[in-house]
Amino acid sequence: MFEEKLTDEERIAAVQDVLNGNGGCKQIAPKYGINHETLRSYVRLAQTEGIDAVKVQKSKRRYSVETKLKAVNDYLSLKSS
């Protein structure tokens, strides 16, 4: 079965439901259409790194062509793995 991704707001709301004592992961997860183990991992992440850590990272790190070429050359010359 295909599960649609949650928005950042939905993830935060689900985690806050658990942290506020509104139920356990098994009770709250179906409300948001996610697996209870997924919700449990979000809760752990929020507890250790803060609630903003459950947000999806929207940007990818971009490297210049020069940086990429240097990395390839370093790897080929066995300076790096």
C-alpha atoms as a PDB file:
ATOM      1  CA  MET A   1       0.000   0.000   0.000  1.00  0.00           C
ATOM      2  CA  PHE A   2       1.300   3.464  -0.924  1.00  0.00           C
ATOM      3  CA  GLU A   3       1.547   5.952   1.921  1.00  0.00           C
ATOM      4  CA  GLU A   4       1.585   9.627   1.116  1.00  0.00           C
ATOM      5  CA  LYS A   5       4.304  11.679   2.779  1.00  0.00           C
ATOM      6  CA  LEU A   6       3.355  13.929   5.655  1.00  0.00           C
ATOM      7  CA  THR A   7       3.869  17.651   5.596  1.00  0.00           C
ATOM      8  CA  ASP A   8       6.214  19.141   8.169  1.00  0.00           C
ATOM      9  CA  GLU A   9       3.196  20.436  10.082  1.00  0.00           C
ATOM     10  CA  GLU A  10       1.594  16.970  10.169  1.00  0.00           C
ATOM     11  CA  ARG A  11       4.821  15.367  11.395  1.00  0.00           C
ATOM     12  CA  ILE A  12       5.159  17.953  14.146  1.00  0.00           C
ATOM     13  CA  ALA A  13       1.494  17.548  15.129  1.00  0.00           C
ATOM     14  CA  ALA A  14       1.851  13.757  15.318  1.00  0.00           C
ATOM     15  CA  VAL A  15       4.988  14.009  17.453  1.00  0.00           C
ATOM     16  CA  GLN A  16       3.381  16.604  19.719  1.00  0.00           C
ATOM     17  CA  ASP A  17       0.322  14.366  20.164  1.00  0.00           C
ATOM     18  CA  VAL A  18       2.591  11.637  21.509  1.00  0.00           C
ATOM     19  CA  LEU A  19       4.719  13.983  23.616  1.00  0.00           C
ATOM     20  CA  ASN A  20       1.616  15.655  25.072  1.00  0.00           C
ATOM     21  CA  GLY A  21       0.327  12.282  26.235  1.00  0.00           C
ATOM     22  CA  ASN A  22      -2.626  12.095  23.848  1.00  0.00           C
ATOM     23  CA  GLY A  23      -1.777   8.439  23.176  1.00  0.00           C
ATOM     24  CA  GLY A  24       1.040   6.149  22.259  1.00  0.00           C
ATOM     25  CA  CYS A  25       2.591   5.751  18.843  1.00  0.00           C
ATOM     26  CA  LYS A  26       0.311   2.815  18.026  1.00  0.00           C
ATOM     27  CA  GLN A  27      -2.789   4.905  18.762  1.00  0.00           C
ATOM     28  CA  ILE A  28      -1.649   8.151  17.099  1.00  0.00           C
ATOM     29  CA  ALA A  29       0.017   6.771  13.940  1.00  0.00           C
ATOM     30  CA  PRO A  30      -3.213   5.614  12.209  1.00  0.00           C
ATOM     31  CA  LYS A  31      -4.668   9.106  12.630  1.00  0.00           C
ATOM     32  CA  TYR A  32      -1.858  10.396  10.398  1.00  0.00           C
ATOM     33  CA  GLY A  33      -1.709   7.350   8.121  1.00  0.00           C
ATOM     34  CA  ILE A  34       1.814   6.319   9.063  1.00  0.00           C
ATOM     35  CA  ASN A  35       3.433   3.281  10.613  1.00  0.00           C
ATOM     36  CA  HIS A  36       3.807   3.411  14.397  1.00  0.00           C
ATOM     37  CA  GLU A  37       7.529   2.627  14.130  1.00  0.00           C
ATOM     38  CA  THR A  38       7.969   5.610  11.813  1.00  0.00           C
ATOM     39  CA  LEU A  39       6.218   7.826  14.344  1.00  0.00           C
ATOM     40  CA  ARG A  40       8.340   6.360  17.121  1.00  0.00           C
ATOM     41  CA  SER A  41      11.488   7.327  15.209  1.00  0.00           C
ATOM     42  CA  TYR A  42      10.149  10.870  14.735  1.00  0.00           C
ATOM     43  CA  VAL A  43       9.467  11.120  18.477  1.00  0.00           C
ATOM     44  CA  ARG A  44      12.983   9.922  19.350  1.00  0.00           C
ATOM     45  CA  LEU A  45      14.463  12.387  16.892  1.00  0.00           C
ATOM     46  CA  ALA A  46      12.419  15.249  18.369  1.00  0.00           C
ATOM     47  CA  GLN A  47      13.448  14.293  21.902  1.00  0.00           C
ATOM     48  CA  THR A  48      17.146  14.190  21.103  1.00  0.00           C
ATOM     49  CA  GLU A  49      17.511  16.961  18.535  1.00  0.00           C
ATOM     50  CA  GLY A  50      14.448  19.160  18.955  1.00  0.00           C
ATOM     51  CA  ILE A  51      11.078  19.296  17.215  1.00  0.00           C
ATOM     52  CA  ASP A  52      12.472  20.984  14.091  1.00  0.00           C
ATOM     53  CA  ALA A  53      14.566  17.878  13.408  1.00  0.00           C
ATOM     54  CA  VAL A  54      11.464  16.037  12.168  1.00  0.00           C
ATOM     55  CA  LYS A  55      11.063  18.483   9.293  1.00  0.00           C
ATOM     56  CA  VAL A  56      12.058  17.267   5.840  1.00  0.00           C
ATOM     57  CA  GLN A  57      15.309  18.695   4.556  1.00  0.00           C
ATOM     58  CA  LYS A  58      14.279  20.507   1.402  1.00  0.00           C
ATOM     59  CA  SER A  59      17.606  21.502  -0.039  1.00  0.00           C
ATOM     60  CA  LYS A  60      20.451  19.368  -1.204  1.00  0.00           C
ATOM     61  CA  ARG A  61      24.020  20.414  -0.811  1.00  0.00           C
ATOM     62  CA  ARG A  62      25.463  21.528  -4.119  1.00  0.00           C
ATOM     63  CA  TYR A  63      29.131  21.318  -4.958  1.00  0.00           C
ATOM     64  CA  SER A  64      30.979  23.193  -7.656  1.00  0.00           C
ATOM     65  CA  VAL A  65      32.454  21.344 -10.632  1.00  0.00           C
ATOM     66  CA  GLU A  66      35.919  22.136  -9.296  1.00  0.00           C
ATOM     67  CA  THR A  67      35.151  20.556  -5.915  1.00  0.00           C
ATOM     68  CA  LYS A  68      33.720  17.455  -7.579  1.00  0.00           C
ATOM     69  CA  LEU A  69      36.752  17.089  -9.858  1.00  0.00           C
ATOM     70  CA  LYS A  70      39.125  17.511  -6.917  1.00  0.00           C
ATOM     71  CA  ALA A  71      37.270  14.787  -4.991  1.00  0.00           C
ATOM     72  CA  VAL A  72      37.455  12.413  -7.961  1.00  0.00           C
ATOM     73  CA  ASN A  73      41.137  13.134  -8.504  1.00  0.00           C
ATOM     74  CA  ASP A  74      41.897  12.662  -4.799  1.00  0.00           C
ATOM     75  CA  TYR A  75      40.053   9.345  -4.826  1.00  0.00           C
ATOM     76  CA  LEU A  76      41.842   8.179  -7.935  1.00  0.00           C
ATOM     77  CA  SER A  77      45.205   9.081  -6.434  1.00  0.00           C
ATOM     78  CA  LEU A  78      44.234   7.137  -3.269  1.00  0.00           C
ATOM     79  CA  LYS A  79      44.330  10.211  -1.039  1.00  0.00           C
ATOM     80  CA  SER A  80      40.749   9.613   0.013  1.00  0.00           C
ATOM     81  CA  SER A  81      38.113   6.917  -0.036  1.00  0.00           C
END
